């Protein structure tokens, strides 16, 4: 369990069968498991059979470097695959992210999700007229949920000028609402979250 940023161990088991039978009683927020070196494939098969990763937020520590193995672990429902020699600060950050409902992927694993052999995502159409630097700035502020008056104050411009920029952004992105503009901006890589 995570309390005030600190991890609390609620139990410990030696194998998947023990884990499967004790998890309902322990009620952990996160299940941290170690994949045994040299038997990772069989261990992952066992994890899939128990469906633990379907019922709990599972993080795996192990030495497996194979991208296909990592991809399979994530398909089975695992939320993080981390090296055994992970730094304590990194482990704490991963625990907090998983507790928040996120999946933790190390940069080296990104190719697992974005390989050239996977189906390419649909191409984003080029804008007929690119956003000006000021419009990009306004779009970024829209993504933060700022109202026109707040944007005007931050940029030291009038409300009318902000409205003009918002209208121009909507037109250039081919959308009709601020939310659609932010979504289109994210898809086009114009908005950084």
Protein backbone atom coordinates (compact mmCIF):
# COMPACT_ATOMS: atom_id res chain seq x y z
CA UNK A 1 0.00 0.00 0.00
CA UNK A 2 1.16 3.57 -0.58
CA UNK A 3 0.67 5.95 2.32
CA UNK A 4 1.93 9.51 2.00
CA UNK A 5 4.38 8.47 -0.73
CA UNK A 6 5.75 5.56 1.33
CA UNK A 7 5.28 1.95 0.36
CA UNK A 8 3.95 -0.41 2.98
CA UNK A 9 4.51 -4.14 2.51
CA UNK A 10 1.31 -6.04 3.35
CA UNK A 11 2.61 -9.53 2.65
CA UNK A 12 5.16 -11.73 0.96
CA UNK A 13 4.82 -15.02 -0.90
CA UNK A 14 7.34 -17.32 -2.55
CA UNK A 15 5.57 -18.38 -5.75
CA UNK A 16 2.64 -17.66 -8.06
CA UNK A 17 0.40 -20.35 -6.55
CA UNK A 18 0.85 -18.87 -3.07
CA UNK A 19 0.29 -15.38 -4.42
CA UNK A 20 -2.88 -16.46 -6.17
CA UNK A 21 -4.36 -17.91 -3.00
CA UNK A 22 -3.30 -15.11 -0.62
CA UNK A 23 -3.95 -11.94 -2.62
CA UNK A 24 -7.67 -11.80 -1.86
CA UNK A 25 -6.85 -11.90 1.85
CA UNK A 26 -3.97 -9.38 1.65
CA UNK A 27 -5.82 -6.88 -0.61
CA UNK A 28 -2.69 -5.18 -1.98
CA UNK A 29 -2.84 -2.00 -4.02
CA UNK A 30 0.15 -3.18 -6.09
CA UNK A 31 1.69 -6.63 -6.52
CA UNK A 32 5.48 -6.48 -7.01
CA UNK A 33 6.86 -9.76 -8.38
CA UNK A 34 10.27 -10.97 -9.43
CA UNK A 35 10.55 -13.03 -12.61
CA UNK A 36 13.05 -15.83 -11.98
CA UNK A 37 16.17 -15.59 -14.13
CA UNK A 38 16.32 -18.25 -16.81
CA UNK A 39 12.66 -19.23 -16.47
CA UNK A 40 10.94 -16.01 -17.46
CA UNK A 41 8.80 -17.54 -20.25
CA UNK A 42 7.44 -20.30 -18.02
CA UNK A 43 6.90 -17.82 -15.19
CA UNK A 44 4.97 -15.48 -17.50
CA UNK A 45 2.87 -18.46 -18.66
CA UNK A 46 2.07 -19.14 -14.99
CA UNK A 47 1.21 -15.50 -14.37
CA UNK A 48 -1.18 -15.55 -17.34
CA UNK A 49 -2.82 -18.75 -16.01
CA UNK A 50 -3.46 -17.20 -12.57
CA UNK A 51 -4.97 -14.00 -14.04
CA UNK A 52 -3.36 -12.07 -11.17
CA UNK A 53 -2.44 -9.25 -13.57
CA UNK A 54 -6.10 -8.95 -14.57
CA UNK A 55 -7.22 -8.47 -10.97
CA UNK A 56 -4.32 -6.48 -9.49
CA UNK A 57 -1.82 -3.81 -10.54
CA UNK A 58 1.26 -5.99 -11.16
CA UNK A 59 4.83 -4.77 -11.46
CA UNK A 60 7.60 -7.17 -12.47
CA UNK A 61 11.26 -7.00 -11.54
CA UNK A 62 13.54 -9.05 -13.75
CA UNK A 63 16.48 -9.21 -16.08
CA UNK A 64 14.54 -10.08 -19.24
CA UNK A 65 15.72 -7.83 -22.09
CA UNK A 66 13.60 -9.36 -24.88
CA UNK A 67 11.16 -6.77 -26.28
CA UNK A 68 8.68 -9.49 -27.27
CA UNK A 69 8.62 -10.76 -23.67
CA UNK A 70 7.98 -7.23 -22.40
CA UNK A 71 5.19 -6.77 -24.94
CA UNK A 72 3.59 -10.04 -23.87
CA UNK A 73 3.83 -9.04 -20.19
CA UNK A 74 2.01 -5.80 -20.93
CA UNK A 75 -0.62 -7.66 -23.00
CA UNK A 76 -1.20 -9.93 -20.00
CA UNK A 77 -2.04 -6.84 -17.93
CA UNK A 78 1.28 -6.10 -16.23
CA UNK A 79 1.68 -2.38 -15.45
CA UNK A 80 5.49 -2.20 -15.28
CA UNK A 81 8.53 -4.34 -16.13
CA UNK A 82 11.60 -3.03 -14.35
CA UNK A 83 15.20 -4.22 -13.97
CA UNK A 84 16.28 -5.86 -10.71
CA UNK A 85 18.90 -3.16 -10.18
CA UNK A 86 16.39 -0.29 -10.31
CA UNK A 87 17.26 2.67 -8.09
CA UNK A 88 15.05 3.20 -5.05
CA UNK A 89 13.89 6.62 -6.35
CA UNK A 90 12.91 5.05 -9.68
CA UNK A 91 11.05 2.24 -7.92
CA UNK A 92 9.20 4.75 -5.75
CA UNK A 93 8.22 6.78 -8.82
CA UNK A 94 7.07 3.62 -10.64
CA UNK A 95 5.00 2.53 -7.60
CA UNK A 96 3.34 5.95 -7.44
CA UNK A 97 2.61 5.91 -11.18
CA UNK A 98 1.11 2.42 -11.08
CA UNK A 99 -0.92 3.32 -7.97
CA UNK A 100 -2.30 6.26 -9.99
CA UNK A 101 -3.47 3.83 -12.70
CA UNK A 102 -0.62 4.41 -15.14
CA UNK A 103 1.61 1.99 -17.01
CA UNK A 104 5.37 2.44 -16.62
CA UNK A 105 7.46 1.92 -19.73
CA UNK A 106 11.20 2.50 -19.85
CA UNK A 107 12.52 4.35 -22.91
CA UNK A 108 14.25 1.18 -24.16
CA UNK A 109 10.86 -0.58 -24.24
CA UNK A 110 9.11 2.07 -26.33
CA UNK A 111 10.12 0.29 -29.53
CA UNK A 112 7.95 -2.59 -28.29
CA UNK A 113 4.91 -0.38 -28.73
CA UNK A 114 6.00 1.57 -31.79
CA UNK A 115 7.75 -0.99 -33.95
CA UNK A 116 7.89 -0.55 -37.70
CA UNK A 117 6.08 -3.86 -38.16
CA UNK A 118 3.01 -2.68 -36.26
CA UNK A 119 0.10 -1.11 -38.07
CA UNK A 120 0.99 2.48 -38.78
CA UNK A 121 -1.28 5.11 -37.32
CA UNK A 122 -3.28 7.15 -39.77
CA UNK A 123 -1.35 10.09 -41.11
CA UNK A 124 -2.27 13.46 -39.69
CA UNK A 125 -3.12 15.91 -42.44
CA UNK A 126 -0.86 18.90 -42.83
CA UNK A 127 -2.39 22.21 -41.82
CA UNK A 128 -3.14 24.41 -44.81
CA UNK A 129 -1.93 27.35 -42.77
CA UNK A 130 0.36 26.68 -39.79
CA UNK A 131 -0.33 28.19 -36.39
CA UNK A 132 1.64 31.32 -35.58
CA UNK A 133 3.93 31.22 -32.52
CA UNK A 134 1.32 33.26 -30.60
CA UNK A 135 -1.46 30.87 -31.62
CA UNK A 136 0.66 27.94 -30.48
CA UNK A 137 1.15 29.69 -27.15
CA UNK A 138 -2.61 30.29 -26.82
CA UNK A 139 -3.36 26.65 -27.76
CA UNK A 140 -0.94 25.45 -25.08
CA UNK A 141 -2.75 27.66 -22.53
CA UNK A 142 -6.11 26.30 -23.72
CA UNK A 143 -4.79 22.81 -23.01
CA UNK A 144 -4.12 23.91 -19.43
CA UNK A 145 -7.78 24.85 -19.08
CA UNK A 146 -7.24 28.60 -18.90
CA UNK A 147 -10.16 30.89 -19.72
CA UNK A 148 -9.78 33.77 -22.19
CA UNK A 149 -9.37 36.33 -19.39
CA UNK A 150 -6.59 34.27 -17.80
CA UNK A 151 -4.82 33.87 -21.13
CA UNK A 152 -5.14 37.61 -21.76
CA UNK A 153 -3.63 38.38 -18.35
CA UNK A 154 -0.72 35.96 -18.83
CA UNK A 155 0.07 37.24 -22.32
CA UNK A 156 -0.71 40.86 -21.45
CA UNK A 157 -3.11 41.24 -24.37
CA UNK A 158 -6.80 42.11 -24.55
CA UNK A 159 -9.68 39.61 -24.21
CA UNK A 160 -10.69 40.55 -27.75
CA UNK A 161 -7.25 39.57 -29.08
CA UNK A 162 -7.45 36.21 -27.27
CA UNK A 163 -10.88 35.59 -28.83
CA UNK A 164 -9.39 36.40 -32.23
CA UNK A 165 -6.52 33.92 -31.67
CA UNK A 166 -8.92 31.19 -30.47
CA UNK A 167 -11.15 31.69 -33.52
CA UNK A 168 -8.11 31.51 -35.79
CA UNK A 169 -6.88 28.33 -34.07
CA UNK A 170 -10.31 26.69 -34.45
CA UNK A 171 -10.39 27.59 -38.14
CA UNK A 172 -6.88 26.39 -38.90
CA UNK A 173 -7.42 23.10 -37.06
CA UNK A 174 -10.86 22.61 -38.64
CA UNK A 175 -12.68 22.22 -35.32
CA UNK A 176 -15.52 24.01 -33.59
CA UNK A 177 -14.74 23.89 -29.86
CA UNK A 178 -11.82 24.59 -27.58
CA UNK A 179 -11.76 20.94 -26.47
CA UNK A 180 -11.60 19.75 -30.06
CA UNK A 181 -8.79 22.23 -30.69
CA UNK A 182 -6.76 20.84 -27.78
CA UNK A 183 -7.40 17.26 -28.94
CA UNK A 184 -6.38 18.11 -32.51
CA UNK A 185 -3.32 19.94 -31.15
CA UNK A 186 -2.26 16.88 -29.17
CA UNK A 187 -2.69 14.61 -32.19
CA UNK A 188 -0.59 16.93 -34.33
CA UNK A 189 2.13 17.31 -31.71
CA UNK A 190 1.34 21.01 -31.21
CA UNK A 191 0.43 20.61 -27.53
CA UNK A 192 2.87 19.26 -24.98
CA UNK A 193 1.30 17.69 -21.88
